[in-house]
C-alpha atoms as a PDB file:
ATOM      1  CA  LEU A   1     111.742  94.810  94.979  1.00  0.00           C
ATOM      2  CA  ALA A   2     109.277  91.696  94.191  1.00  0.00           C
ATOM      3  CA  THR A   3     107.793  92.435  90.588  1.00  0.00           C
ATOM      4  CA  HIS A   4     107.355  91.254  86.920  1.00  0.00           C
ATOM      5  CA  ALA A   5     110.887  90.397  85.437  1.00  0.00           C
ATOM      6  CA  ASP A   6     110.753  93.317  83.104  1.00  0.00           C
ATOM      7  CA  PHE A   7     112.494  95.484  86.091  1.00  0.00           C
ATOM      8  CA  GLU A   8     115.138  93.294  87.328  1.00  0.00           C
ATOM      9  CA  GLY A   9     117.649  95.487  85.552  1.00  0.00           C
ATOM     10  CA  PHE A  10     116.261  98.364  86.664  1.00  0.00           C
ATOM     11  CA  ALA A  11     116.261  97.208  90.670  1.00  0.00           C
ATOM     12  CA  ARG A  12     119.915  96.003  90.077  1.00  0.00           C
ATOM     13  CA  ASP A  13     121.131  99.101  88.552  1.00  0.00           C
ATOM     14  CA  HIS A  14     119.609 100.932  91.655  1.00  0.00           C
ATOM     15  CA  ASP A  15     121.454  98.122  94.290  1.00  0.00           C
ATOM     16  CA  LEU A  16     117.869  96.985  94.805  1.00  0.00           C
ATOM     17  CA  ASP A  17     117.399  93.284  96.157  1.00  0.00           C
ATOM     18  CA  PHE A  18     114.624  91.752  93.077  1.00  0.00           C
ATOM     19  CA  PHE A  19     112.232  88.772  93.356  1.00  0.00           C
ATOM     20  CA  GLU A  20     110.636  87.585  90.235  1.00  0.00           C
ATOM     21  CA  LEU A  21     106.629  87.615  90.686  1.00  0.00           C
ATOM     22  CA  LEU A  22     105.841  87.287  87.266  1.00  0.00           C
ATOM     23  CA  GLU A  23     107.594  86.825  83.799  1.00  0.00           C
ATOM     24  CA  ASP A  24     107.328  89.557  81.250  1.00  0.00           C
ATOM     25  CA  GLY A  25     104.814  91.797  82.256  1.00  0.00           C
ATOM     26  CA  ARG A  26     105.003  93.339  78.546  1.00  0.00           C
ATOM     27  CA  ARG A  27     103.943  90.065  77.101  1.00  0.00           C
ATOM     28  CA  LEU A  28     101.288  89.183  79.871  1.00  0.00           C
ATOM     29  CA  HIS A  29      99.911  93.069  78.666  1.00  0.00           C
ATOM     30  CA  ALA A  30     100.376  92.112  74.991  1.00  0.00           C
ATOM     31  CA  SER A  31      97.982  89.016  75.147  1.00  0.00           C
ATOM     32  CA  ASP A  32      94.531  89.354  73.442  1.00  0.00           C
ATOM     33  CA  VAL A  33      92.869  89.990  77.199  1.00  0.00           C
ATOM     34  CA  GLY A  34      95.680  92.448  78.372  1.00  0.00           C
ATOM     35  CA  ASP A  35      94.916  94.360  74.616  1.00  0.00           C
ATOM     36  CA  ARG A  36      91.456  94.648  75.574  1.00  0.00           C
ATOM     37  CA  MET A  37      92.031  95.886  79.219  1.00  0.00           C
ATOM     38  CA  ILE A  38      94.808  98.360  78.147  1.00  0.00           C
ATOM     39  CA  HIS A  39      92.469  99.689  74.661  1.00  0.00           C
ATOM     40  CA  ALA A  40      89.247  99.555  77.324  1.00  0.00           C
ATOM     41  CA  GLY A  41      89.478 102.875  76.868  1.00  0.00           C
ATOM     42  CA  ASP A  42      86.384 105.283  78.786  1.00  0.00           C
ATOM     43  CA  ASN A  43      84.884 102.369  79.975  1.00  0.00           C
ATOM     44  CA  PRO A  44      85.905 100.904  83.189  1.00  0.00           C
ATOM     45  CA  PHE A  45      83.605  98.427  83.777  1.00  0.00           C
ATOM     46  CA  THR A  46      85.655  97.166  80.345  1.00  0.00           C
ATOM     47  CA  PHE A  47      88.769  97.741  82.224  1.00  0.00           C
ATOM     48  CA  LEU A  48      88.059  96.355  85.277  1.00  0.00           C
ATOM     49  CA  GLN A  49      86.403  92.941  83.883  1.00  0.00           C
ATOM     50  CA  GLU A  50      89.526  92.419  81.430  1.00  0.00           C
ATOM     51  CA  PHE A  51      91.938  93.550  84.456  1.00  0.00           C
ATOM     52  CA  CYS A  52      90.238  90.514  86.572  1.00  0.00           C
ATOM     53  CA  ARG A  53      89.999  87.966  84.079  1.00  0.00           C
ATOM     54  CA  LEU A  54      94.040  88.715  83.113  1.00  0.00           C
ATOM     55  CA  ARG A  55      95.051  88.377  86.834  1.00  0.00           C
ATOM     56  CA  ARG A  56      92.677  85.210  88.091  1.00  0.00           C
ATOM     57  CA  PRO A  57      94.746  82.632  86.277  1.00  0.00           C
ATOM     58  CA  LEU A  58      97.825  83.650  87.965  1.00  0.00           C
ATOM     59  CA  MET A  59      96.208  84.607  91.521  1.00  0.00           C
ATOM     60  CA  ARG A  60      97.996  81.004  92.789  1.00  0.00           C
ATOM     61  CA  ASP A  61     101.381  81.688  91.419  1.00  0.00           C
ATOM     62  CA  LEU A  62     101.221  85.424  92.069  1.00  0.00           C
ATOM     63  CA  LEU A  63     100.094  84.439  95.969  1.00  0.00           C
ATOM     64  CA  GLN A  64     102.670  82.165  96.263  1.00  0.00           C
ATOM     65  CA  ARG A  65     105.572  84.248  94.963  1.00  0.00           C
ATOM     66  CA  CYS A  66     104.436  87.342  97.285  1.00  0.00           C
ATOM     67  CA  TRP A  67     104.604  85.111 100.493  1.00  0.00           C
ATOM     68  CA  GLU A  68     108.109  83.932  99.309  1.00  0.00           C
ATOM     69  CA  ALA A  69     109.338  87.432  98.443  1.00  0.00           C
ATOM     70  CA  CYS A  70     107.914  88.457 101.921  1.00  0.00           C
ATOM     71  CA  ARG A  71     108.655  86.009 104.200  1.00  0.00           C
ATOM     72  CA  ASP A  72     111.685  87.824 106.490  1.00  0.00           C
ATOM     73  CA  ALA A  73     109.996  91.289 105.700  1.00  0.00           C
ATOM     74  CA  ASP A  74     109.182  93.851 108.369  1.00  0.00           C
ATOM     75  CA  LEU A  75     107.178  95.656 106.138  1.00  0.00           C
ATOM     76  CA  ILE A  76     104.840  95.086 102.640  1.00  0.00           C
ATOM     77  CA  LEU A  77     104.889  98.372 100.352  1.00  0.00           C
ATOM     78  CA  ALA A  78     101.830  97.240  97.584  1.00  0.00           C
ATOM     79  CA  THR A  79     100.662  98.725  94.562  1.00  0.00           C
ATOM     80  CA  ASN A  80      96.928  99.051  94.758  1.00  0.00           C
ATOM     81  CA  THR A  81      97.532  96.369  91.334  1.00  0.00           C
ATOM     82  CA  GLU A  82      98.124  94.019  94.005  1.00  0.00           C
ATOM     83  CA  PHE A  83      96.767  94.849  97.380  1.00  0.00           C
ATOM     84  CA  LEU A  84      94.726  91.618  97.657  1.00  0.00           C
ATOM     85  CA  ILE A  85      97.540  89.475  97.333  1.00  0.00           C
ATOM     86  CA  ALA A  86      99.397  91.459  99.518  1.00  0.00           C
ATOM     87  CA  GLU A  87      96.738  91.926 101.847  1.00  0.00           C
ATOM     88  CA  ALA A  88      96.900  88.119 102.231  1.00  0.00           C
ATOM     89  CA  VAL A  89     100.486  87.556 103.054  1.00  0.00           C
ATOM     90  CA  ALA A  90     100.421  90.318 105.482  1.00  0.00           C
ATOM     91  CA  GLU A  91      97.428  88.351 107.254  1.00  0.00           C
ATOM     92  CA  ARG A  92      99.401  84.876 107.043  1.00  0.00           C
ATOM     93  CA  GLU A  93     102.957  86.231 108.057  1.00  0.00           C
ATOM     94  CA  SER A  94     101.216  89.310 110.576  1.00  0.00           C
ATOM     95  CA  ILE A  95     102.992  92.032 109.213  1.00  0.00           C
ATOM     96  CA  PRO A  96     101.849  95.495 108.243  1.00  0.00           C
ATOM     97  CA  VAL A  97     100.998  96.224 104.771  1.00  0.00           C
ATOM     98  CA  VAL A  98     101.188  99.758 103.012  1.00  0.00           C
ATOM     99  CA  TRP A  99      99.404 101.102  99.655  1.00  0.00           C
ATOM    100  CA  THR A 100     101.701 102.997  97.434  1.00  0.00           C
ATOM    101  CA  CYS A 101      99.902 104.195  94.458  1.00  0.00           C
ATOM    102  CA  LEU A 102     101.388 106.319  91.343  1.00  0.00           C
ATOM    103  CA  GLN A 103      97.844 108.313  91.390  1.00  0.00           C
ATOM    104  CA  PRO A 104      95.577 109.197  93.044  1.00  0.00           C
ATOM    105  CA  VAL A 105      93.243 105.913  94.411  1.00  0.00           C
ATOM    106  CA  ALA A 106      91.849 106.754  97.955  1.00  0.00           C
ATOM    107  CA  PRO A 107      88.273 107.449  97.975  1.00  0.00           C
ATOM    108  CA  THR A 108      87.040 111.146  98.253  1.00  0.00           C
ATOM    109  CA  ARG A 109      84.005 113.131  97.388  1.00  0.00           C
ATOM    110  CA  PHE A 110      86.488 115.706  95.532  1.00  0.00           C
ATOM    111  CA  ARG A 111      87.715 113.363  93.080  1.00  0.00           C
ATOM    112  CA  ALA A 112      86.338 110.513  90.833  1.00  0.00           C
ATOM    113  CA  SER A 113      88.572 107.284  90.779  1.00  0.00           C
ATOM    114  CA  CYS A 114      90.938 107.239  87.797  1.00  0.00           C
ATOM    115  CA  LEU A 115      89.447 104.550  85.755  1.00  0.00           C
ATOM    116  CA  PHE A 116      85.665 106.945  85.654  1.00  0.00           C
ATOM    117  CA  PRO A 117      85.077 109.997  83.561  1.00  0.00           C
ATOM    118  CA  SER A 118      84.743 113.007  85.680  1.00  0.00           C
ATOM    119  CA  TRP A 119      81.425 114.920  87.093  1.00  0.00           C
ATOM    120  CA  PRO A 120      80.046 117.325  84.860  1.00  0.00           C
ATOM    121  CA  GLN A 121      81.382 120.910  86.595  1.00  0.00           C
ATOM    122  CA  ARG A 122      79.072 122.879  88.475  1.00  0.00           C
ATOM    123  CA  ALA A 123      76.257 119.756  88.071  1.00  0.00           C
ATOM    124  CA  PRO A 124      74.649 118.603  91.040  1.00  0.00           C
ATOM    125  CA  GLY A 125      75.532 115.099  92.491  1.00  0.00           C
ATOM    126  CA  ALA A 126      79.624 115.529  91.937  1.00  0.00           C
ATOM    127  CA  GLY A 127      80.688 114.592  95.803  1.00  0.00           C
ATOM    128  CA  ALA A 128      78.144 111.020  95.538  1.00  0.00           C
ATOM    129  CA  TYR A 129      78.988 110.408  92.245  1.00  0.00           C
ATOM    130  CA  ASN A 130      82.887 110.556  93.207  1.00  0.00           C
ATOM    131  CA  LEU A 131      82.201 108.245  95.831  1.00  0.00           C
ATOM    132  CA  ALA A 132      80.421 105.667  93.831  1.00  0.00           C
ATOM    133  CA  THR A 133      83.269 105.315  91.143  1.00  0.00           C
ATOM    134  CA  HIS A 134      85.834 104.345  94.081  1.00  0.00           C
ATOM    135  CA  ALA A 135      83.174 102.057  95.639  1.00  0.00           C
ATOM    136  CA  LEU A 136      82.685 100.541  92.076  1.00  0.00           C
ATOM    137  CA  THR A 137      86.220 100.326  91.469  1.00  0.00           C
ATOM    138  CA  GLY A 138      87.042  98.553  94.323  1.00  0.00           C
ATOM    139  CA  TRP A 139      83.992  96.208  94.190  1.00  0.00           C
ATOM    140  CA  GLY A 140      84.764  95.497  90.419  1.00  0.00           C
ATOM    141  CA  MET A 141      88.219  94.663  91.553  1.00  0.00           C
ATOM    142  CA  TRP A 142      87.358  92.411  94.702  1.00  0.00           C
ATOM    143  CA  PHE A 143      84.370  90.341  92.733  1.00  0.00           C
ATOM    144  CA  GLY A 144      86.366  89.807  89.810  1.00  0.00           C
ATOM    145  CA  GLN A 145      89.325  87.951  91.677  1.00  0.00           C
ATOM    146  CA  ARG A 146      87.156  86.961  94.821  1.00  0.00           C
ATOM    147  CA  GLN A 147      86.688  83.177  93.877  1.00  0.00           C
ATOM    148  CA  ALA A 148      90.483  82.960  92.779  1.00  0.00           C
ATOM    149  CA  LEU A 149      91.695  84.679  95.242  1.00  0.00           C
ATOM    150  CA  ASN A 150      89.656  82.637  98.135  1.00  0.00           C
ATOM    151  CA  GLU A 151      91.097  79.553  96.860  1.00  0.00           C
ATOM    152  CA  ALA A 152      94.420  80.526  96.294  1.00  0.00           C
ATOM    153  CA  ARG A 153      94.127  82.052 100.093  1.00  0.00           C
ATOM    154  CA  ARG A 154      93.445  78.225 101.198  1.00  0.00           C
ATOM    155  CA  ASP A 155      95.820  76.550  98.737  1.00  0.00           C
ATOM    156  CA  VAL A 156      98.625  78.340  99.506  1.00  0.00           C
ATOM    157  CA  LEU A 157      98.274  79.898 102.774  1.00  0.00           C
ATOM    158  CA  ASP A 158      95.708  78.182 104.759  1.00  0.00           C
ATOM    159  CA  LEU A 159      93.628  81.050 105.056  1.00  0.00           C
ATOM    160  CA  PRO A 160      89.986  81.526 105.707  1.00  0.00           C
ATOM    161  CA  PRO A 161      88.234  82.885 102.844  1.00  0.00           C
ATOM    162  CA  VAL A 162      87.147  86.635 102.213  1.00  0.00           C
ATOM    163  CA  PRO A 163      83.745  87.040 103.028  1.00  0.00           C
ATOM    164  CA  MET A 164      81.379  88.146 100.237  1.00  0.00           C
ATOM    165  CA  TYR A 165      81.147  91.867 100.614  1.00  0.00           C
ATOM    166  CA  GLY A 166      85.049  91.761 100.236  1.00  0.00           C
ATOM    167  CA  PRO A 167      88.070  93.874 102.663  1.00  0.00           C
ATOM    168  CA  VAL A 168      85.786  96.934 102.710  1.00  0.00           C
ATOM    169  CA  SER A 169      87.723  98.580 105.571  1.00  0.00           C
ATOM    170  CA  SER A 170      91.552  97.962 103.879  1.00  0.00           C
ATOM    171  CA  PHE A 171      89.680  99.247 100.598  1.00  0.00           C
ATOM    172  CA  LEU A 172      87.692 102.533 101.998  1.00  0.00           C
ATOM    173  CA  SER A 173      89.953 103.120 104.763  1.00  0.00           C
ATOM    174  CA  PRO A 174      93.839 101.608 104.444  1.00  0.00           C
ATOM    175  CA  ARG A 175      95.731 101.864 107.596  1.00  0.00           C
ATOM    176  CA  PHE A 176      98.457 104.013 105.710  1.00  0.00           C
ATOM    177  CA  CYS A 177      99.280 105.277 101.987  1.00  0.00           C
ATOM    178  CA  LEU A 178     102.267 106.785 100.407  1.00  0.00           C
ATOM    179  CA  ASP A 179     101.407 108.262  97.028  1.00  0.00           C
ATOM    180  CA  GLY A 180     104.120 108.787  94.278  1.00  0.00           C
ATOM    181  CA  TYR A 181     103.020 111.634  92.862  1.00  0.00           C
ATOM    182  CA  SER A 182     103.243 115.413  93.567  1.00  0.00           C
ATOM    183  CA  ALA A 183     100.750 117.351  95.428  1.00  0.00           C
ATOM    184  CA  HIS A 184     100.857 120.011  92.916  1.00  0.00           C
ATOM    185  CA  VAL A 185     100.098 117.987  90.298  1.00  0.00           C
ATOM    186  CA  ALA A 186      96.857 115.859  91.904  1.00  0.00           C
ATOM    187  CA  PRO A 187      96.000 118.322  95.095  1.00  0.00           C
ATOM    188  CA  ARG A 188      95.502 116.727  98.235  1.00  0.00           C
ATOM    189  CA  PRO A 189      91.949 116.300  98.547  1.00  0.00           C
ATOM    190  CA  LYS A 190      89.995 117.848 101.884  1.00  0.00           C
ATOM    191  CA  ASP A 191      88.329 114.555 103.081  1.00  0.00           C
ATOM    192  CA  TRP A 192      91.766 112.357 102.773  1.00  0.00           C
ATOM    193  CA  ARG A 193      92.685 111.211 106.189  1.00  0.00           C
ATOM    194  CA  SER A 194      95.974 111.729 107.850  1.00  0.00           C
ATOM    195  CA  GLU A 195      96.835 107.881 106.869  1.00  0.00           C
ATOM    196  CA  GLU A 196      97.491 109.014 103.715  1.00  0.00           C
ATOM    197  CA  HIS A 197     100.259 110.554 102.457  1.00  0.00           C
ATOM    198  CA  THR A 198     101.720 112.303  98.775  1.00  0.00           C
END
């Protein structure tokens, strides 16, 4: 398990190997930028802006540490907040990566991105709105971290930059996803692909 130092005790208590990616995550989120991100309220653009602002200065270290943690791995299970980093390491090591999410984040016409408000019931245009919220979330995550990620890819992994339009195929149709929540709480949308498992 490679994550914040806060989770080392939990990992060790469950007999899991542990690799520290970053120091205390609580301290990171208690910073001014982290506080603005957490208290963005119902403004998804503020949340995305502050999330990216929080990550950019950490990108090189995150990528280096993730690479060290995954060098002997056969597979990377990556959270949706670290998928850009995991995808880069997977590319460098030629190993598969699986998205793991604790909330429904895969694009669908039937549900908005978890960062956006729901479309009013019975109002026309819900499908288009929902897909647009997923596209905006993916684009915001990518565009806000693009320069830092491409510099880290070059300097740490000796990889070429990801094009300006970003890892669109990885975001819109990841090869395989494991979602860690009950389908009774968030039912599976009808338009999800078979690679999406809840």
